[in-house]
Amino acid sequence: MDRPRLEVADVFRRYGEAYRQQHAGSLSHAQLRVMSAIERCRTAALGGHIEQCDQCQFQRIAYNSCRDRHCPKCQSLARAQWIEDRQAELLDTQYFHIVFTLPEEIAAIAYQNKEVVYDILFRATSETLRTIAADPKHLGAEIGFFAVLHSWGQNLIFHPHLHCVVPGGGLSPDGQRWIACRRRFFLPVRVLSCRFRRLFVESLEKAFDAGQLQFFSALEELRDRTAFRRLLGRVRSRKWVVYAKKPFAGPQQVLDYVGRYTHRVAISNNRILNVEGGQVSFRYKDYHDGGQQKTLTLSADEFIRRFLLHVLPEGFHRIRYYGFLGNRYRKEKLQHCRHLLGMILLQPGSSTEVAELDYRDRYQALTGSSLWECPACHRGRMIVIAEIPPGSIPTITDTS
């Protein structure tokens, strides 16, 4: 695949320094770190190496990646490894995709209290799904699922929500049977929405009482308990959006689909159309207009502001696993689920061996695409012939 002509890094390199100077007092350490990482990614600042084809002698410079999870260029290998790990966990059953969304008033609080509110979002979502699924009136089973946090819409506006991928069934209370849900129906969305709203609001109120929430600028009035409780009263009276998407066509489609979600950043480089004159234009889907592809042009300052809205707290886990997919007992419970579903029990895989390979071999093993192949003759193998220290300006031999 051809590399995008323009990148998020181009916006940061051209306009990032001016943005830092103008907004110095409001940028977090995490946001500054992300800006620096993306600006330096695959440049001489990080060093790299010179490669040469062992057939035609073609040479190229390969600079090191920043490996920041917010960088659009640094997610392909991590995504491929994640998909490989999940491949072994697929069950021969239906899969459902459920989205839990925060209302606008709560989203504003979430931006100023990301770690606290994101944690509440995960807890309320997981407890909602597990409790309703365990109720004999609905499924009566222990389910397993993973949840992925997204905080953006197509236009980069702050829009926190969780994507949950759930097998269509679970273990009976005694663990001796697999209980399947109805075909193409998992759990009632209205019931999920009501419980999710109650659990979330209760947890948010506890966080306020414990002094865990901070309010600045337009939200300063919420420091007052009366004003805060008044806001909670408003959101309690509204419907909260819990959306059950169309069930996946089969287990394999789960990975094909969610692989695009798990390691996605706020905007991919291939959506950027133009960067000039202090403005950035990019493609987006307008879901309020039937998913039509449209073009949005923002000032560079506004584009950077919107991108930085989605920087995660340092060390925060945006993919989490629950129920029989929980990290502690996942292998044992998945083997038991396979047994109950009549599937072939898996033998220990080769994921460790793959992880120990050179990153180019790992990429080829996981994706089928080669980073070794010479782009000039397509026959030779690119071999490292020299290392480039960080900050050096390398020269390569003219092989034309």
Protein backbone atom coordinates (compact mmCIF):
# COMPACT_ATOMS: atom_id res chain seq x y z
CA MET A 1 0.00 0.00 0.00
CA ASP A 2 1.31 3.46 -0.93
CA ARG A 3 2.12 5.77 1.93
CA PRO A 4 -0.22 8.72 2.44
CA ARG A 5 0.97 11.91 0.82
CA LEU A 6 0.17 13.93 3.94
CA GLU A 7 0.27 12.97 7.62
CA VAL A 8 -0.75 14.18 11.05
CA ALA A 9 3.00 14.61 11.60
CA ASP A 10 3.08 17.24 8.82
CA VAL A 11 0.50 19.31 10.70
CA PHE A 12 2.46 19.08 13.95
CA ARG A 13 5.81 19.84 12.30
CA ARG A 14 4.48 22.92 10.53
CA TYR A 15 2.21 24.33 13.21
CA GLY A 16 3.01 22.48 16.43
CA GLU A 17 5.54 24.90 17.85
CA ALA A 18 3.22 27.88 17.41
CA TYR A 19 0.44 25.89 19.07
CA ARG A 20 2.67 25.04 22.03
CA GLN A 21 3.61 28.68 22.52
CA GLN A 22 0.02 29.89 22.27
CA HIS A 23 -1.42 27.24 24.61
CA ALA A 24 1.54 26.64 26.92
CA GLY A 25 -0.51 26.97 30.09
CA SER A 26 -3.22 24.50 29.13
CA LEU A 27 -1.29 21.57 27.62
CA SER A 28 -0.71 18.49 29.77
CA HIS A 29 2.58 16.64 29.94
CA ALA A 30 0.95 13.73 28.07
CA GLN A 31 -0.22 16.00 25.25
CA LEU A 32 3.23 17.61 24.90
CA ARG A 33 4.84 14.17 24.85
CA VAL A 34 2.50 12.93 22.11
CA MET A 35 3.14 16.01 19.97
CA SER A 36 6.90 15.56 20.27
CA ALA A 37 6.72 11.84 19.52
CA ILE A 38 4.66 12.30 16.35
CA GLU A 39 6.85 15.16 15.14
CA ARG A 40 10.01 13.07 15.58
CA CYS A 41 8.61 9.75 14.35
CA ARG A 42 10.67 8.25 11.50
CA THR A 43 12.98 11.22 11.29
CA ALA A 44 16.72 11.65 11.88
CA ALA A 45 15.90 12.80 15.41
CA LEU A 46 15.24 9.19 16.46
CA GLY A 47 18.05 7.59 14.46
CA GLY A 48 17.68 4.50 12.35
CA HIS A 49 19.70 2.51 9.86
CA ILE A 50 20.71 2.31 6.19
CA GLU A 51 19.53 -0.74 4.25
CA GLN A 52 20.92 -2.08 0.99
CA CYS A 53 19.45 -4.66 -1.40
CA ASP A 54 21.57 -7.80 -1.64
CA GLN A 55 20.75 -8.08 -5.38
CA CYS A 56 20.58 -4.64 -7.03
CA GLN A 57 22.44 -2.64 -4.33
CA PHE A 58 19.57 -0.17 -3.97
CA GLN A 59 19.89 1.75 -0.69
CA ARG A 60 17.33 3.43 1.54
CA ILE A 61 17.20 5.09 4.95
CA ALA A 62 14.86 3.60 7.53
CA TYR A 63 14.32 5.87 10.52
CA ASN A 64 13.08 4.55 13.85
CA SER A 65 9.44 4.80 14.89
CA CYS A 66 8.28 6.66 17.96
CA ARG A 67 6.05 3.70 18.98
CA ASP A 68 3.58 6.03 20.64
CA ARG A 69 0.09 4.56 20.68
CA HIS A 70 -1.39 7.87 19.50
CA CYS A 71 0.79 7.95 16.35
CA PRO A 72 -1.05 6.97 13.14
CA LYS A 73 2.15 5.42 11.71
CA CYS A 74 3.03 3.16 14.64
CA GLN A 75 0.00 0.90 15.08
CA SER A 76 0.18 -1.67 12.26
CA LEU A 77 2.49 -4.16 13.99
CA ALA A 78 0.72 -3.81 17.35
CA ARG A 79 -2.62 -4.30 15.61
CA ALA A 80 -1.41 -7.37 13.74
CA GLN A 81 -0.04 -8.92 16.94
CA TRP A 82 -3.29 -8.21 18.80
CA ILE A 83 -5.36 -9.83 16.05
CA GLU A 84 -3.08 -12.88 16.07
CA ASP A 85 -3.52 -13.23 19.83
CA ARG A 86 -7.30 -12.91 19.59
CA GLN A 87 -7.51 -15.39 16.69
CA ALA A 88 -6.85 -18.25 19.09
CA GLU A 89 -9.70 -17.07 21.34
CA LEU A 90 -12.51 -17.19 18.79
CA LEU A 91 -15.43 -19.47 19.67
CA ASP A 92 -17.77 -21.20 17.26
CA THR A 93 -20.80 -19.09 18.12
CA GLN A 94 -22.52 -15.82 17.26
CA TYR A 95 -20.77 -12.54 18.09
CA PHE A 96 -22.38 -9.23 18.96
CA HIS A 97 -21.12 -5.63 18.93
CA ILE A 98 -22.61 -3.32 21.57
CA VAL A 99 -21.71 0.35 21.99
CA PHE A 100 -22.13 2.30 25.24
CA THR A 101 -22.08 6.10 24.83
CA LEU A 102 -21.87 8.95 27.34
CA PRO A 103 -24.26 11.92 27.02
CA GLU A 104 -22.80 15.29 26.12
CA GLU A 105 -22.91 16.73 29.67
CA ILE A 106 -20.96 13.77 31.04
CA ALA A 107 -18.51 13.91 28.14
CA ALA A 108 -17.55 17.44 29.21
CA ILE A 109 -16.81 16.16 32.72
CA ALA A 110 -14.91 13.22 31.25
CA TYR A 111 -12.53 15.49 29.36
CA GLN A 112 -11.46 17.24 32.56
CA ASN A 113 -11.32 13.97 34.52
CA LYS A 114 -10.31 11.37 31.95
CA GLU A 115 -8.82 8.68 34.14
CA VAL A 116 -11.61 8.74 36.74
CA VAL A 117 -14.52 8.93 34.30
CA TYR A 118 -13.05 6.45 31.80
CA ASP A 119 -12.62 3.94 34.64
CA ILE A 120 -16.24 4.48 35.66
CA LEU A 121 -17.30 3.96 32.05
CA PHE A 122 -15.51 0.60 31.91
CA ARG A 123 -16.86 -0.52 35.30
CA ALA A 124 -20.46 0.50 34.64
CA THR A 125 -20.41 -1.12 31.20
CA SER A 126 -18.89 -4.40 32.38
CA GLU A 127 -21.19 -4.67 35.40
CA THR A 128 -24.21 -3.90 33.22
CA LEU A 129 -23.45 -6.58 30.66
CA ARG A 130 -22.43 -9.24 33.16
CA THR A 131 -25.36 -8.65 35.54
CA ILE A 132 -28.07 -8.59 32.88
CA ALA A 133 -26.56 -11.63 31.13
CA ALA A 134 -26.44 -13.56 34.43
CA ASP A 135 -30.12 -12.87 35.10
CA PRO A 136 -32.15 -16.04 34.32
CA LYS A 137 -34.86 -13.81 32.82
CA HIS A 138 -32.46 -12.92 30.03
CA LEU A 139 -29.57 -15.35 29.48
CA GLY A 140 -28.63 -16.82 32.85
CA ALA A 141 -24.97 -17.29 32.00
CA GLU A 142 -21.47 -16.02 32.68
CA ILE A 143 -20.40 -14.19 29.55
CA GLY A 144 -16.99 -13.02 28.34
CA PHE A 145 -16.15 -9.97 26.26
CA PHE A 146 -13.61 -7.25 25.59
CA ALA A 147 -14.24 -3.50 25.52
CA VAL A 148 -12.35 -0.86 23.53
CA LEU A 149 -12.44 2.83 24.47
CA HIS A 150 -12.88 5.42 21.74
CA SER A 151 -13.21 9.11 22.47
CA TRP A 152 -13.76 10.58 19.01
CA GLY A 153 -16.27 10.93 16.23
CA GLN A 154 -15.36 11.22 12.55
CA ASN A 155 -14.99 15.00 12.87
CA LEU A 156 -12.61 14.59 15.87
CA ILE A 157 -15.12 16.01 18.36
CA PHE A 158 -14.80 14.54 21.88
CA HIS A 159 -17.30 11.66 22.06
CA PRO A 160 -16.38 8.98 24.65
CA HIS A 161 -17.87 5.53 24.06
CA LEU A 162 -17.03 1.85 24.49
CA HIS A 163 -17.16 -0.79 21.77
CA CYS A 164 -17.89 -4.20 23.31
CA VAL A 165 -17.51 -7.46 21.39
CA VAL A 166 -19.40 -10.31 23.03
CA PRO A 167 -19.80 -14.01 22.11
CA GLY A 168 -23.47 -14.92 21.91
CA GLY A 169 -23.71 -17.09 24.98
CA GLY A 170 -21.89 -18.12 28.12
CA LEU A 171 -21.26 -20.66 30.83
CA SER A 172 -24.13 -21.93 32.96
CA PRO A 173 -23.96 -21.13 36.71
CA ASP A 174 -22.60 -24.62 37.44
CA GLY A 175 -20.14 -24.33 34.55
CA GLN A 176 -21.33 -27.57 32.95
CA ARG A 177 -23.25 -26.21 29.94
CA TRP A 178 -22.89 -23.60 27.22
CA ILE A 179 -26.03 -21.44 27.16
CA ALA A 180 -26.56 -19.85 23.76
CA CYS A 181 -28.58 -16.68 23.27
CA ARG A 182 -31.37 -16.42 20.74
CA ARG A 183 -30.35 -16.14 17.14
CA ARG A 184 -29.40 -12.56 16.25
CA PHE A 185 -30.53 -11.27 19.66
CA PHE A 186 -28.27 -10.99 22.68
CA LEU A 187 -29.73 -8.81 25.46
CA PRO A 188 -32.49 -6.14 25.49
CA VAL A 189 -30.93 -2.76 24.76
CA ARG A 190 -33.50 -0.84 26.81
CA VAL A 191 -32.67 -2.86 29.92
CA LEU A 192 -28.94 -2.40 29.32
CA SER A 193 -29.38 1.35 28.87
CA CYS A 194 -31.34 1.84 32.10
CA ARG A 195 -28.93 -0.16 34.23
CA PHE A 196 -25.87 1.43 32.63
CA ARG A 197 -27.25 4.92 33.34
CA ARG A 198 -27.98 4.09 36.98
CA LEU A 199 -24.60 2.47 37.66
CA PHE A 200 -22.67 5.22 35.94
CA VAL A 201 -24.46 8.09 37.70
CA GLU A 202 -24.12 6.40 41.09
CA SER A 203 -20.38 5.91 40.57
CA LEU A 204 -19.91 9.47 39.33
CA GLU A 205 -21.68 10.82 42.41
CA LYS A 206 -19.43 8.72 44.67
CA ALA A 207 -16.37 10.06 42.84
CA PHE A 208 -17.62 13.63 43.47
CA ASP A 209 -18.20 12.93 47.17
CA ALA A 210 -14.70 11.44 47.43
CA GLY A 211 -13.16 14.59 45.95
CA GLN A 212 -11.90 12.75 42.86
CA LEU A 213 -13.39 15.14 40.29
CA GLN A 214 -12.00 18.51 39.20
CA PHE A 215 -13.84 21.25 37.36
CA PHE A 216 -12.34 24.15 35.42
CA SER A 217 -13.40 26.98 33.11
CA ALA A 218 -16.99 26.51 31.91
CA LEU A 219 -17.54 23.68 34.41
CA GLU A 220 -16.41 25.57 37.52
CA GLU A 221 -19.96 25.88 38.85
CA LEU A 222 -20.08 22.08 39.23
CA ARG A 223 -17.72 22.35 42.19
CA ASP A 224 -20.86 23.23 44.11
CA ARG A 225 -22.65 20.06 45.23
CA THR A 226 -26.09 21.50 44.52
CA ALA A 227 -25.16 22.37 40.93
CA PHE A 228 -23.56 18.97 40.45
CA ARG A 229 -26.60 17.10 41.75
CA ARG A 230 -28.83 19.24 39.53
CA LEU A 231 -26.80 18.10 36.49
CA LEU A 232 -27.10 14.47 37.60
CA GLY A 233 -30.85 14.92 37.87
CA ARG A 234 -30.99 16.11 34.25
CA VAL A 235 -28.97 13.21 32.86
CA ARG A 236 -30.92 10.68 34.95
CA SER A 237 -34.11 11.77 33.20
CA ARG A 238 -32.74 11.15 29.70
CA LYS A 239 -32.27 8.03 27.64
CA TRP A 240 -28.65 6.95 27.42
CA VAL A 241 -27.52 5.53 24.11
CA VAL A 242 -26.66 1.84 24.17
CA TYR A 243 -26.58 0.59 20.61
CA ALA A 244 -26.52 -3.05 19.52
CA LYS A 245 -25.03 -3.19 16.05
CA LYS A 246 -25.91 -5.84 13.50
CA PRO A 247 -24.43 -9.18 14.63
CA PHE A 248 -21.22 -10.24 12.97
CA ALA A 249 -21.55 -12.67 10.05
CA GLY A 250 -19.23 -15.12 11.78
CA PRO A 251 -16.31 -15.38 14.21
CA GLN A 252 -13.70 -14.45 11.59
CA GLN A 253 -15.52 -11.23 10.71
CA VAL A 254 -15.09 -10.20 14.34
CA LEU A 255 -11.33 -9.83 13.93
CA ASP A 256 -11.57 -8.33 10.45
CA TYR A 257 -13.88 -5.67 11.86
CA VAL A 258 -12.58 -4.91 15.33
CA GLY A 259 -8.98 -4.97 14.12
CA ARG A 260 -9.86 -1.61 12.63
CA TYR A 261 -11.08 -0.41 16.04
CA THR A 262 -8.61 -1.66 18.61
CA HIS A 263 -5.51 0.28 17.62
CA ARG A 264 -7.13 3.13 15.76
CA VAL A 265 -6.12 6.68 16.64
CA ALA A 266 -8.30 9.76 16.35
CA ILE A 267 -7.63 10.13 12.61
CA SER A 268 -5.66 8.04 10.13
CA ASN A 269 -3.17 9.66 7.79
CA ASN A 270 -5.02 8.53 4.67
CA ARG A 271 -7.98 10.78 5.57
CA ILE A 272 -5.90 13.97 5.37
CA LEU A 273 -6.37 15.76 2.05
CA ASN A 274 -4.56 19.07 2.35
CA VAL A 275 -2.29 20.97 4.76
CA GLU A 276 -1.52 24.52 3.72
CA GLY A 277 -2.16 28.16 4.53
CA GLY A 278 -2.73 27.40 8.19
CA GLN A 279 -5.61 25.01 7.41
CA VAL A 280 -6.11 21.24 7.39
CA SER A 281 -8.69 19.45 5.23
CA PHE A 282 -9.70 15.84 5.79
CA ARG A 283 -12.36 13.32 4.82
CA TYR A 284 -15.06 12.20 7.25
CA LYS A 285 -18.28 10.24 7.25
CA ASP A 286 -21.35 12.26 8.17
CA TYR A 287 -23.50 9.71 10.02
CA HIS A 288 -26.26 12.30 10.35
CA ASP A 289 -26.49 12.25 6.55
CA GLY A 290 -26.52 8.54 5.79
CA GLY A 291 -22.77 8.07 6.18
CA GLN A 292 -21.96 10.35 3.25
CA GLN A 293 -18.27 11.05 2.67
CA LYS A 294 -17.60 14.77 3.13
CA THR A 295 -14.65 17.11 3.51
CA LEU A 296 -14.06 19.20 6.63
CA THR A 297 -11.56 22.07 6.72
CA LEU A 298 -10.28 23.35 10.07
CA SER A 299 -7.63 25.83 11.07
CA ALA A 300 -4.40 24.06 11.99
CA ASP A 301 -4.88 25.32 15.55
CA GLU A 302 -8.33 23.74 15.78
CA PHE A 303 -7.18 20.50 14.15
CA ILE A 304 -4.38 20.13 16.69
CA ARG A 305 -6.74 21.00 19.54
CA ARG A 306 -9.22 18.34 18.46
CA PHE A 307 -6.51 15.71 17.98
CA LEU A 308 -5.11 16.35 21.45
CA LEU A 309 -8.57 15.94 23.01
CA HIS A 310 -8.05 12.20 22.59
CA VAL A 311 -4.67 11.76 24.27
CA LEU A 312 -5.08 9.09 26.94
CA PRO A 313 -3.78 9.37 30.51
CA GLU A 314 -0.32 7.85 30.76
CA GLY A 315 -0.44 4.11 31.43
CA PHE A 316 -4.20 3.90 30.85
CA HIS A 317 -5.46 0.60 29.35
CA ARG A 318 -8.00 1.29 26.60
CA ILE A 319 -8.69 -2.40 25.84
CA ARG A 320 -10.01 -4.47 28.74
CA TYR A 321 -11.28 -8.03 29.12
CA TYR A 322 -14.09 -9.38 31.30
CA GLY A 323 -15.91 -12.54 32.36
CA PHE A 324 -14.45 -15.74 30.95
CA LEU A 325 -12.15 -13.56 28.83
CA GLY A 326 -10.72 -11.90 31.95
CA ASN A 327 -6.95 -12.10 32.02
CA ARG A 328 -6.62 -14.26 35.14
CA TYR A 329 -8.50 -17.41 34.01
CA ARG A 330 -8.79 -16.79 30.27
CA LYS A 331 -6.87 -19.84 29.00
CA GLU A 332 -8.61 -22.33 31.27
CA LYS A 333 -12.11 -20.96 30.74
CA LEU A 334 -11.70 -20.66 26.98
CA GLN A 335 -10.59 -24.28 26.77
CA HIS A 336 -13.67 -25.25 28.77
CA CYS A 337 -15.91 -23.19 26.45
CA ARG A 338 -14.38 -24.94 23.42
CA HIS A 339 -15.03 -28.29 25.02
CA LEU A 340 -18.69 -27.44 25.69
CA LEU A 341 -19.10 -26.14 22.12
CA GLY A 342 -17.58 -29.28 20.63
CA MET A 343 -14.58 -27.43 19.20
CA ILE A 344 -11.07 -28.82 18.79
CA LEU A 345 -9.05 -27.98 21.89
CA LEU A 346 -6.07 -25.78 21.09
CA GLN A 347 -2.51 -26.84 21.73
CA PRO A 348 0.01 -24.25 22.98
CA GLY A 349 0.58 -21.88 20.07
CA SER A 350 3.61 -20.22 18.61
CA SER A 351 2.81 -16.65 19.64
CA THR A 352 5.89 -16.56 21.90
CA GLU A 353 8.12 -17.67 19.04
CA VAL A 354 6.61 -15.02 16.77
CA ALA A 355 7.11 -12.33 19.43
CA GLU A 356 10.82 -13.16 19.62
CA LEU A 357 11.44 -12.63 15.89
CA ASP A 358 12.97 -9.49 14.38
CA TYR A 359 10.16 -6.96 13.96
CA ARG A 360 10.31 -7.31 10.15
CA ASP A 361 9.94 -11.10 10.39
CA ARG A 362 7.14 -10.63 12.94
CA TYR A 363 5.35 -8.25 10.58
CA GLN A 364 5.60 -10.73 7.71
CA ALA A 365 4.50 -13.66 9.89
CA LEU A 366 1.47 -11.72 11.14
CA THR A 367 0.40 -9.83 8.00
CA GLY A 368 1.86 -11.70 5.04
CA SER A 369 3.48 -8.48 3.80
CA SER A 370 7.26 -8.19 3.61
CA LEU A 371 9.35 -5.33 4.94
CA TRP A 372 12.46 -7.13 3.69
CA GLU A 373 11.63 -7.04 -0.03
CA CYS A 374 13.58 -4.56 -2.12
CA PRO A 375 11.16 -1.87 -3.42
CA ALA A 376 13.35 -1.37 -6.52
CA CYS A 377 13.94 -4.83 -7.98
CA HIS A 378 11.39 -6.80 -5.87
CA ARG A 379 13.79 -9.76 -5.89
CA GLY A 380 16.42 -8.89 -3.34
CA ARG A 381 16.37 -8.62 0.43
CA MET A 382 17.10 -5.36 2.21
CA ILE A 383 20.06 -5.81 4.60
CA VAL A 384 21.15 -3.35 7.29
CA ILE A 385 24.60 -2.02 6.39
CA ALA A 386 24.93 0.91 8.82
CA GLU A 387 23.32 2.30 11.96
CA ILE A 388 22.29 5.96 12.19
CA PRO A 389 22.68 7.55 15.64
CA PRO A 390 19.81 9.81 16.79
CA GLY A 391 20.20 13.32 15.43
CA SER A 392 22.63 12.37 12.65
CA ILE A 393 22.16 13.39 9.04
CA PRO A 394 23.01 10.30 6.97
CA THR A 395 24.19 10.05 3.36
CA ILE A 396 23.61 7.12 1.06
CA THR A 397 25.38 5.96 -2.07
CA ASP A 398 23.89 7.04 -5.40
CA THR A 399 22.95 3.74 -7.06
CA SER A 400 21.16 5.25 -10.04
